[in-house]
Amino acid sequence: MKFEMKRKIDELGRIVLPIDMRNYYEIVNGDSVVLLPVREGIQIAKTDLFILNQMPQDVVVKVDELGRIIIPSAI
C-alpha cells in the first residue's frame, strides 16, 4: 500500500498519523515510534523493528490517543 498524504505540523510540533496508515502498520495508542532524520525528511518506524536500548531517546516518541506524535525540535 502506498501512502502519500500531506499533513500540517501544529503549533506544538504535533502531526496526526492518518488512521488508515496506523491501521495498516498496526500502530495503536501508546505505541512508541522512532523518528529518524534522513536526507528527504523524517522517517517514522515502529520501535518493535529496532532495539530500543540502541536508539537515542530523543528520537523515540509515543503515539497519543488521537494518533498524534510530537516531532522534537532537535529533529
PDB file of N, CA and C in Angstrom:
ATOM      1  N   MET A   1       0.860  -1.179   0.000  1.00  0.00           N
ATOM      2  CA  MET A   1       0.000   0.000   0.000  1.00  0.00           C
ATOM      3  C   MET A   1       0.898   1.231   0.000  1.00  0.00           C
ATOM      4  N   LYS A   2       0.525   2.223  -0.778  1.00  0.00           N
ATOM      5  CA  LYS A   2       1.315   3.447  -0.860  1.00  0.00           C
ATOM      6  C   LYS A   2       0.522   4.589  -0.235  1.00  0.00           C
ATOM      7  N   PHE A   3       1.187   5.322   0.638  1.00  0.00           N
ATOM      8  CA  PHE A   3       0.555   6.454   1.304  1.00  0.00           C
ATOM      9  C   PHE A   3       1.250   7.731   0.876  1.00  0.00           C
ATOM     10  N   GLU A   4       0.504   8.634   0.319  1.00  0.00           N
ATOM     11  CA  GLU A   4       1.008   9.967   0.019  1.00  0.00           C
ATOM     12  C   GLU A   4      -0.004  10.950   0.580  1.00  0.00           C
ATOM     13  N   MET A   5       0.266  11.424   1.781  1.00  0.00           N
ATOM     14  CA  MET A   5      -0.666  12.309   2.456  1.00  0.00           C
ATOM     15  C   MET A   5       0.084  13.529   2.954  1.00  0.00           C
ATOM     16  N   LYS A   6      -0.548  14.671   2.828  1.00  0.00           N
ATOM     17  CA  LYS A   6       0.034  15.893   3.360  1.00  0.00           C
ATOM     18  C   LYS A   6      -0.621  16.192   4.692  1.00  0.00           C
ATOM     19  N   ARG A   7       0.192  16.485   5.676  1.00  0.00           N
ATOM     20  CA  ARG A   7      -0.303  16.858   6.997  1.00  0.00           C
ATOM     21  C   ARG A   7       0.465  18.074   7.462  1.00  0.00           C
ATOM     22  N   LYS A   8      -0.185  18.932   8.218  1.00  0.00           N
ATOM     23  CA  LYS A   8       0.468  20.110   8.783  1.00  0.00           C
ATOM     24  C   LYS A   8       0.897  19.816  10.207  1.00  0.00           C
ATOM     25  N   ILE A   9       2.038  20.376  10.575  1.00  0.00           N
ATOM     26  CA  ILE A   9       2.506  20.286  11.948  1.00  0.00           C
ATOM     27  C   ILE A   9       1.872  21.445  12.707  1.00  0.00           C
ATOM     28  N   ASP A  10       1.259  21.159  13.862  1.00  0.00           N
ATOM     29  CA  ASP A  10       0.600  22.228  14.610  1.00  0.00           C
ATOM     30  C   ASP A  10       1.613  23.033  15.423  1.00  0.00           C
ATOM     31  N   GLU A  11       1.116  24.021  16.168  1.00  0.00           N
ATOM     32  CA  GLU A  11       1.982  24.938  16.914  1.00  0.00           C
ATOM     33  C   GLU A  11       2.770  24.258  18.031  1.00  0.00           C
ATOM     34  N   LEU A  12       2.358  23.050  18.421  1.00  0.00           N
ATOM     35  CA  LEU A  12       3.073  22.315  19.465  1.00  0.00           C
ATOM     36  C   LEU A  12       4.024  21.263  18.886  1.00  0.00           C
ATOM     37  N   GLY A  13       4.180  21.265  17.561  1.00  0.00           N
ATOM     38  CA  GLY A  13       5.081  20.317  16.912  1.00  0.00           C
ATOM     39  C   GLY A  13       4.482  18.942  16.710  1.00  0.00           C
ATOM     40  N   ARG A  14       3.140  18.855  16.737  1.00  0.00           N
ATOM     41  CA  ARG A  14       2.474  17.563  16.585  1.00  0.00           C
ATOM     42  C   ARG A  14       2.006  17.364  15.157  1.00  0.00           C
ATOM     43  N   ILE A  15       1.951  16.103  14.771  1.00  0.00           N
ATOM     44  CA  ILE A  15       1.393  15.725  13.478  1.00  0.00           C
ATOM     45  C   ILE A  15       0.510  14.497  13.712  1.00  0.00           C
ATOM     46  N   VAL A  16      -0.609  14.411  13.006  1.00  0.00           N
ATOM     47  CA  VAL A  16      -1.516  13.273  13.142  1.00  0.00           C
ATOM     48  C   VAL A  16      -1.143  12.228  12.098  1.00  0.00           C
ATOM     49  N   LEU A  17      -0.929  11.008  12.561  1.00  0.00           N
ATOM     50  CA  LEU A  17      -0.737   9.896  11.641  1.00  0.00           C
ATOM     51  C   LEU A  17      -2.132   9.436  11.220  1.00  0.00           C
ATOM     52  N   PRO A  18      -2.446   9.450   9.930  1.00  0.00           N
ATOM     53  CA  PRO A  18      -3.791   9.086   9.482  1.00  0.00           C
ATOM     54  C   PRO A  18      -4.190   7.684   9.948  1.00  0.00           C
ATOM     55  N   ILE A  19      -5.474   7.506  10.243  1.00  0.00           N
ATOM     56  CA  ILE A  19      -5.985   6.244  10.776  1.00  0.00           C
ATOM     57  C   ILE A  19      -5.707   5.082   9.827  1.00  0.00           C
ATOM     58  N   ASP A  20      -5.839   5.294   8.523  1.00  0.00           N
ATOM     59  CA  ASP A  20      -5.558   4.211   7.577  1.00  0.00           C
ATOM     60  C   ASP A  20      -4.112   3.752   7.677  1.00  0.00           C
ATOM     61  N   MET A  21      -3.204   4.697   7.857  1.00  0.00           N
ATOM     62  CA  MET A  21      -1.793   4.378   7.991  1.00  0.00           C
ATOM     63  C   MET A  21      -1.538   3.648   9.313  1.00  0.00           C
ATOM     64  N   ARG A  22      -2.155   4.150  10.404  1.00  0.00           N
ATOM     65  CA  ARG A  22      -1.984   3.487  11.701  1.00  0.00           C
ATOM     66  C   ARG A  22      -2.519   2.064  11.662  1.00  0.00           C
ATOM     67  N   ASN A  23      -3.668   1.879  11.041  1.00  0.00           N
ATOM     68  CA  ASN A  23      -4.240   0.531  10.933  1.00  0.00           C
ATOM     69  C   ASN A  23      -3.345  -0.385  10.106  1.00  0.00           C
ATOM     70  N   TYR A  24      -2.859   0.097   8.978  1.00  0.00           N
ATOM     71  CA  TYR A  24      -2.025  -0.710   8.090  1.00  0.00           C
ATOM     72  C   TYR A  24      -0.747  -1.161   8.792  1.00  0.00           C
ATOM     73  N   TYR A  25      -0.119  -0.257   9.539  1.00  0.00           N
ATOM     74  CA  TYR A  25       1.136  -0.574  10.215  1.00  0.00           C
ATOM     75  C   TYR A  25       0.931  -1.039  11.657  1.00  0.00           C
ATOM     76  N   GLU A  26      -0.333  -1.221  12.060  1.00  0.00           N
ATOM     77  CA  GLU A  26      -0.688  -1.696  13.388  1.00  0.00           C
ATOM     78  C   GLU A  26      -0.072  -0.837  14.494  1.00  0.00           C
ATOM     79  N   ILE A  27      -0.231   0.475  14.345  1.00  0.00           N
ATOM     80  CA  ILE A  27       0.228   1.433  15.345  1.00  0.00           C
ATOM     81  C   ILE A  27      -0.987   1.835  16.171  1.00  0.00           C
ATOM     82  N   VAL A  28      -0.892   1.655  17.483  1.00  0.00           N
ATOM     83  CA  VAL A  28      -2.027   1.969  18.352  1.00  0.00           C
ATOM     84  C   VAL A  28      -1.596   2.958  19.429  1.00  0.00           C
ATOM     85  N   ASN A  29      -2.595   3.512  20.119  1.00  0.00           N
ATOM     86  CA  ASN A  29      -2.359   4.444  21.217  1.00  0.00           C
ATOM     87  C   ASN A  29      -1.336   3.869  22.190  1.00  0.00           C
ATOM     88  N   GLY A  30      -0.325   4.673  22.505  1.00  0.00           N
ATOM     89  CA  GLY A  30       0.694   4.261  23.456  1.00  0.00           C
ATOM     90  C   GLY A  30       1.908   3.591  22.839  1.00  0.00           C
ATOM     91  N   ASP A  31       1.813   3.208  21.564  1.00  0.00           N
ATOM     92  CA  ASP A  31       2.991   2.640  20.900  1.00  0.00           C
ATOM     93  C   ASP A  31       4.086   3.682  20.811  1.00  0.00           C
ATOM     94  N   SER A  32       5.315   3.215  20.828  1.00  0.00           N
ATOM     95  CA  SER A  32       6.452   4.101  20.594  1.00  0.00           C
ATOM     96  C   SER A  32       6.850   3.983  19.138  1.00  0.00           C
ATOM     97  N   VAL A  33       7.230   5.097  18.557  1.00  0.00           N
ATOM     98  CA  VAL A  33       7.756   5.109  17.206  1.00  0.00           C
ATOM     99  C   VAL A  33       9.096   5.826  17.227  1.00  0.00           C
ATOM    100  N   VAL A  34       9.932   5.511  16.258  1.00  0.00           N
ATOM    101  CA  VAL A  34      11.242   6.131  16.144  1.00  0.00           C
ATOM    102  C   VAL A  34      11.185   7.136  14.999  1.00  0.00           C
ATOM    103  N   LEU A  35      11.698   8.346  15.250  1.00  0.00           N
ATOM    104  CA  LEU A  35      11.787   9.378  14.215  1.00  0.00           C
ATOM    105  C   LEU A  35      13.235   9.450  13.764  1.00  0.00           C
ATOM    106  N   LEU A  36      13.473   9.103  12.525  1.00  0.00           N
ATOM    107  CA  LEU A  36      14.829   9.066  12.001  1.00  0.00           C
ATOM    108  C   LEU A  36      15.023  10.152  10.952  1.00  0.00           C
ATOM    109  N   PRO A  37      15.877  11.132  11.224  1.00  0.00           N
ATOM    110  CA  PRO A  37      16.150  12.158  10.227  1.00  0.00           C
ATOM    111  C   PRO A  37      16.902  11.538   9.045  1.00  0.00           C
ATOM    112  N   VAL A  38      16.379  11.728   7.862  1.00  0.00           N
ATOM    113  CA  VAL A  38      17.023  11.274   6.630  1.00  0.00           C
ATOM    114  C   VAL A  38      17.106  12.456   5.674  1.00  0.00           C
ATOM    115  N   ARG A  39      17.858  12.321   4.632  1.00  0.00           N
ATOM    116  CA  ARG A  39      18.055  13.421   3.690  1.00  0.00           C
ATOM    117  C   ARG A  39      16.724  13.994   3.174  1.00  0.00           C
ATOM    118  N   GLU A  40      15.767  13.136   2.916  1.00  0.00           N
ATOM    119  CA  GLU A  40      14.490  13.558   2.333  1.00  0.00           C
ATOM    120  C   GLU A  40      13.505  14.100   3.357  1.00  0.00           C
ATOM    121  N   GLY A  41      13.773  13.931   4.642  1.00  0.00           N
ATOM    122  CA  GLY A  41      12.839  14.385   5.667  1.00  0.00           C
ATOM    123  C   GLY A  41      12.974  13.563   6.933  1.00  0.00           C
ATOM    124  N   ILE A  42      11.852  13.088   7.444  1.00  0.00           N
ATOM    125  CA  ILE A  42      11.844  12.296   8.678  1.00  0.00           C
ATOM    126  C   ILE A  42      11.163  10.966   8.389  1.00  0.00           C
ATOM    127  N   GLN A  43      11.831   9.885   8.714  1.00  0.00           N
ATOM    128  CA  GLN A  43      11.261   8.551   8.571  1.00  0.00           C
ATOM    129  C   GLN A  43      10.672   8.154   9.909  1.00  0.00           C
ATOM    130  N   ILE A  44       9.464   7.588   9.892  1.00  0.00           N
ATOM    131  CA  ILE A  44       8.789   7.139  11.108  1.00  0.00           C
ATOM    132  C   ILE A  44       8.693   5.616  11.046  1.00  0.00           C
ATOM    133  N   ALA A  45       9.104   4.950  12.127  1.00  0.00           N
ATOM    134  CA  ALA A  45       9.045   3.485  12.159  1.00  0.00           C
ATOM    135  C   ALA A  45       8.627   3.015  13.544  1.00  0.00           C
ATOM    136  N   LYS A  46       7.900   1.896  13.601  1.00  0.00           N
ATOM    137  CA  LYS A  46       7.547   1.305  14.887  1.00  0.00           C
ATOM    138  C   LYS A  46       8.816   0.852  15.589  1.00  0.00           C
ATOM    139  N   THR A  47       8.852   1.008  16.899  1.00  0.00           N
ATOM    140  CA  THR A  47      10.057   0.651  17.645  1.00  0.00           C
ATOM    141  C   THR A  47      10.256  -0.843  17.756  1.00  0.00           C
ATOM    142  N   ASP A  48       9.236  -1.644  17.499  1.00  0.00           N
ATOM    143  CA  ASP A  48       9.468  -3.083  17.580  1.00  0.00           C
ATOM    144  C   ASP A  48      10.383  -3.565  16.458  1.00  0.00           C
ATOM    145  N   LEU A  49      10.685  -2.697  15.505  1.00  0.00           N
ATOM    146  CA  LEU A  49      11.625  -3.023  14.444  1.00  0.00           C
ATOM    147  C   LEU A  49      13.056  -2.681  14.832  1.00  0.00           C
ATOM    148  N   PHE A  50      13.222  -2.074  15.971  1.00  0.00           N
ATOM    149  CA  PHE A  50      14.524  -1.602  16.415  1.00  0.00           C
ATOM    150  C   PHE A  50      14.813  -2.099  17.819  1.00  0.00           C
ATOM    151  N   ILE A  51      16.040  -2.108  18.177  1.00  0.00           N
ATOM    152  CA  ILE A  51      16.421  -2.414  19.558  1.00  0.00           C
ATOM    153  C   ILE A  51      16.455  -1.084  20.296  1.00  0.00           C
ATOM    154  N   LEU A  52      15.505  -0.884  21.198  1.00  0.00           N
ATOM    155  CA  LEU A  52      15.322   0.415  21.832  1.00  0.00           C
ATOM    156  C   LEU A  52      16.543   0.905  22.597  1.00  0.00           C
ATOM    157  N   ASN A  53      17.260   0.017  23.243  1.00  0.00           N
ATOM    158  CA  ASN A  53      18.391   0.487  24.026  1.00  0.00           C
ATOM    159  C   ASN A  53      19.558   0.957  23.157  1.00  0.00           C
ATOM    160  N   GLN A  54      19.458   0.765  21.859  1.00  0.00           N
ATOM    161  CA  GLN A  54      20.489   1.255  20.945  1.00  0.00           C
ATOM    162  C   GLN A  54      20.066   2.544  20.240  1.00  0.00           C
ATOM    163  N   MET A  55      18.844   2.988  20.496  1.00  0.00           N
ATOM    164  CA  MET A  55      18.333   4.199  19.843  1.00  0.00           C
ATOM    165  C   MET A  55      18.489   5.387  20.784  1.00  0.00           C
ATOM    166  N   PRO A  56      18.927   6.531  20.267  1.00  0.00           N
ATOM    167  CA  PRO A  56      18.936   7.739  21.105  1.00  0.00           C
ATOM    168  C   PRO A  56      17.503   8.048  21.544  1.00  0.00           C
ATOM    169  N   GLN A  57      17.300   8.320  22.816  1.00  0.00           N
ATOM    170  CA  GLN A  57      15.951   8.512  23.332  1.00  0.00           C
ATOM    171  C   GLN A  57      15.258   9.754  22.790  1.00  0.00           C
ATOM    172  N   ASP A  58      16.009  10.707  22.231  1.00  0.00           N
ATOM    173  CA  ASP A  58      15.361  11.897  21.685  1.00  0.00           C
ATOM    174  C   ASP A  58      14.690  11.632  20.345  1.00  0.00           C
ATOM    175  N   VAL A  59      14.841  10.428  19.789  1.00  0.00           N
ATOM    176  CA  VAL A  59      14.157  10.110  18.533  1.00  0.00           C
ATOM    177  C   VAL A  59      13.013   9.118  18.732  1.00  0.00           C
ATOM    178  N   VAL A  60      12.763   8.719  19.993  1.00  0.00           N
ATOM    179  CA  VAL A  60      11.668   7.801  20.298  1.00  0.00           C
ATOM    180  C   VAL A  60      10.520   8.605  20.891  1.00  0.00           C
ATOM    181  N   VAL A  61       9.337   8.517  20.269  1.00  0.00           N
ATOM    182  CA  VAL A  61       8.161   9.246  20.756  1.00  0.00           C
ATOM    183  C   VAL A  61       6.976   8.293  20.842  1.00  0.00           C
ATOM    184  N   LYS A  62       5.991   8.659  21.658  1.00  0.00           N
ATOM    185  CA  LYS A  62       4.781   7.845  21.809  1.00  0.00           C
ATOM    186  C   LYS A  62       3.641   8.423  20.983  1.00  0.00           C
ATOM    187  N   VAL A  63       2.787   7.541  20.485  1.00  0.00           N
ATOM    188  CA  VAL A  63       1.583   7.925  19.753  1.00  0.00           C
ATOM    189  C   VAL A  63       0.479   8.140  20.782  1.00  0.00           C
ATOM    190  N   ASP A  64      -0.202   9.310  20.722  1.00  0.00           N
ATOM    191  CA  ASP A  64      -1.255   9.581  21.708  1.00  0.00           C
ATOM    192  C   ASP A  64      -2.600   9.016  21.246  1.00  0.00           C
ATOM    193  N   GLU A  65      -3.637   9.239  22.044  1.00  0.00           N
ATOM    194  CA  GLU A  65      -4.962   8.663  21.787  1.00  0.00           C
ATOM    195  C   GLU A  65      -5.617   9.171  20.501  1.00  0.00           C
ATOM    196  N   LEU A  66      -5.136  10.286  19.958  1.00  0.00           N
ATOM    197  CA  LEU A  66      -5.679  10.822  18.708  1.00  0.00           C
ATOM    198  C   LEU A  66      -4.773  10.514  17.515  1.00  0.00           C
ATOM    199  N   GLY A  67      -3.768   9.678  17.730  1.00  0.00           N
ATOM    200  CA  GLY A  67      -2.865   9.306  16.656  1.00  0.00           C
ATOM    201  C   GLY A  67      -1.799  10.339  16.363  1.00  0.00           C
ATOM    202  N   ARG A  68      -1.546  11.248  17.325  1.00  0.00           N
ATOM    203  CA  ARG A  68      -0.558  12.306  17.130  1.00  0.00           C
ATOM    204  C   ARG A  68       0.785  11.893  17.685  1.00  0.00           C
ATOM    205  N   ILE A  69       1.812  12.412  17.058  1.00  0.00           N
ATOM    206  CA  ILE A  69       3.158  12.321  17.605  1.00  0.00           C
ATOM    207  C   ILE A  69       3.718  13.716  17.665  1.00  0.00           C
ATOM    208  N   ILE A  70       4.634  13.934  18.592  1.00  0.00           N
ATOM    209  CA  ILE A  70       5.295  15.242  18.699  1.00  0.00           C
ATOM    210  C   ILE A  70       6.681  15.108  18.080  1.00  0.00           C
ATOM    211  N   ILE A  71       6.972  15.959  17.128  1.00  0.00           N
ATOM    212  CA  ILE A  71       8.282  15.963  16.499  1.00  0.00           C
ATOM    213  C   ILE A  71       9.186  16.862  17.346  1.00  0.00           C
ATOM    214  N   PRO A  72      10.218  16.288  17.968  1.00  0.00           N
ATOM    215  CA  PRO A  72      11.098  17.088  18.818  1.00  0.00           C
ATOM    216  C   PRO A  72      11.787  18.192  18.038  1.00  0.00           C
ATOM    217  N   SER A  73      12.006  19.310  18.680  1.00  0.00           N
ATOM    218  CA  SER A  73      12.632  20.449  17.988  1.00  0.00           C
ATOM    219  C   SER A  73      14.044  20.117  17.523  1.00  0.00           C
ATOM    220  N   ALA A  74      14.699  19.163  18.183  1.00  0.00           N
ATOM    221  CA  ALA A  74      16.050  18.785  17.776  1.00  0.00           C
ATOM    222  C   ALA A  74      16.078  18.144  16.380  1.00  0.00           C
ATOM    223  N   ILE A  75      14.954  17.572  15.978  1.00  0.00           N
ATOM    224  CA  ILE A  75      14.870  16.947  14.655  1.00  0.00           C
ATOM    225  C   ILE A  75      14.458  17.996  13.650  1.00  0.00           C
TER     226      ILE A  75
END
